[in-house]
Protein backbone atom coordinates (compact mmCIF):
# COMPACT_ATOMS: atom_id res chain seq x y z
CA MET A 1 -7.57 -2.69 -10.62
CA LEU A 2 -6.18 0.70 -9.69
CA ASN A 3 -8.61 3.57 -9.79
CA CYS A 4 -7.89 7.28 -10.29
CA ARG A 5 -6.91 7.82 -6.67
CA GLY A 6 -4.76 4.74 -6.27
CA GLU A 7 -7.09 3.39 -3.62
CA SER A 8 -6.34 -0.27 -4.29
CA GLY A 9 -2.67 0.32 -3.46
CA ILE A 10 -3.58 2.23 -0.30
CA ALA A 11 -5.94 -0.55 0.78
CA ALA A 12 -3.25 -3.18 0.17
CA ARG A 13 -0.74 -1.26 2.32
CA GLN A 14 -3.31 -0.82 5.08
CA ASP A 15 -4.00 -4.56 5.00
CA ARG A 16 -0.29 -5.21 5.50
CA GLY A 17 -0.17 -2.73 8.35
CA THR A 18 2.41 -0.46 6.70
CA LYS A 19 2.01 3.26 6.37
CA ARG A 20 3.86 5.31 3.79
CA GLU A 21 4.00 9.01 3.09
CA LEU A 22 2.84 10.23 -0.30
CA MET A 23 5.27 12.03 -2.55
CA PRO A 24 4.55 15.65 -3.44
CA ARG A 25 2.71 15.83 -6.77
CA ASP A 26 5.48 17.78 -8.53
CA VAL A 27 8.08 15.15 -7.61
CA TYR A 28 5.74 12.42 -8.83
CA GLU A 29 5.13 14.23 -12.14
CA ILE A 30 8.87 14.73 -12.70
CA MET A 31 9.49 11.04 -12.04
CA ILE A 32 6.74 10.01 -14.47
CA ASP A 33 8.12 12.40 -17.13
CA GLN A 34 11.60 10.90 -16.71
CA MET A 35 10.28 7.34 -17.01
CA ALA A 36 8.24 8.22 -20.09
CA GLY A 37 11.27 9.92 -21.64
CA LEU A 38 13.38 6.83 -21.02
CA VAL A 39 10.79 4.55 -22.63
CA LEU A 40 10.41 6.84 -25.66
CA THR A 41 14.18 7.11 -26.09
CA LYS A 42 14.61 3.34 -25.97
CA LEU A 43 11.71 2.75 -28.36
CA GLY A 44 12.96 5.42 -30.75
CA GLY A 45 16.17 3.51 -31.45
CA ARG A 46 14.46 0.23 -32.27
CA PRO A 47 13.61 0.84 -35.96
CA ALA A 48 17.29 1.34 -36.81
CA ARG A 49 18.30 -1.75 -34.85
CA VAL A 50 15.59 -3.87 -36.46
CA ALA A 51 16.11 -2.68 -40.04
CA GLY A 52 19.87 -2.31 -40.21
CA HIS A 53 20.70 -0.86 -43.63
CA ASP A 54 17.25 -1.53 -45.14
CA LEU A 55 15.85 2.00 -45.36
CA GLY A 56 12.38 0.88 -46.50
CA LEU A 57 12.02 -1.48 -43.55
CA ARG A 58 13.28 1.22 -41.20
CA ARG A 59 10.67 3.69 -42.44
CA ARG A 60 7.90 1.10 -42.00
CA ALA A 61 9.14 0.33 -38.48
CA GLU A 62 9.19 4.06 -37.68
CA THR A 63 5.60 4.35 -38.92
CA VAL A 64 4.49 1.45 -36.71
CA LEU A 65 6.29 2.97 -33.74
CA ARG A 66 4.68 6.38 -34.36
CA GLU A 67 1.24 4.71 -34.48
CA LEU A 68 2.01 2.88 -31.22
CA ARG A 69 3.07 6.11 -29.54
CA ASN A 70 -0.14 7.81 -30.68
CA GLU A 71 -2.24 4.91 -29.38
CA ILE A 72 -0.49 5.04 -26.01
CA ALA A 73 -0.89 8.83 -25.81
CA ASN A 74 -4.59 8.62 -26.62
CA ALA A 75 -5.11 5.88 -24.03
CA CYS A 76 -3.35 8.01 -21.42
CA LEU A 77 -5.51 11.02 -22.31
CA GLU A 78 -8.64 8.89 -21.92
CA MET A 79 -7.46 7.64 -18.52
CA ALA A 80 -6.70 11.19 -17.40
CA ALA A 81 -10.10 12.41 -18.56
CA LYS A 82 -11.80 9.63 -16.57
CA CYS A 83 -9.92 10.84 -13.49
CA GLY A 84 -11.05 14.42 -14.06
CA GLU A 85 -7.72 15.78 -15.23
CA PRO A 86 -8.05 18.84 -17.47
CA PRO A 87 -6.57 18.67 -20.99
CA ARG A 88 -2.82 19.25 -21.17
CA SER A 89 -3.23 22.76 -22.65
CA GLU A 90 -4.97 23.84 -19.44
CA HIS A 91 -1.98 22.70 -17.32
CA ASP A 92 0.49 25.07 -19.01
């Protein structure tokens, strides 16, 4: 299991005898933001594809997707808090 500092990945690389340079934090954060944006964009189109012309089904699918996004966001916030990250409002 990966901990807050990614030590399991570092240990695995050391076991293999490879050494890699870490990316600067801002580059890493941009990459994570881009990946998250891609996932959210792809997920956002699913209710329309699932429901077709059934507006009621589409609205229910959108509700389920919104709940999923909230659950994921809350889980990420909990993980960040465990790693000592300040709340998002303190980053800005």
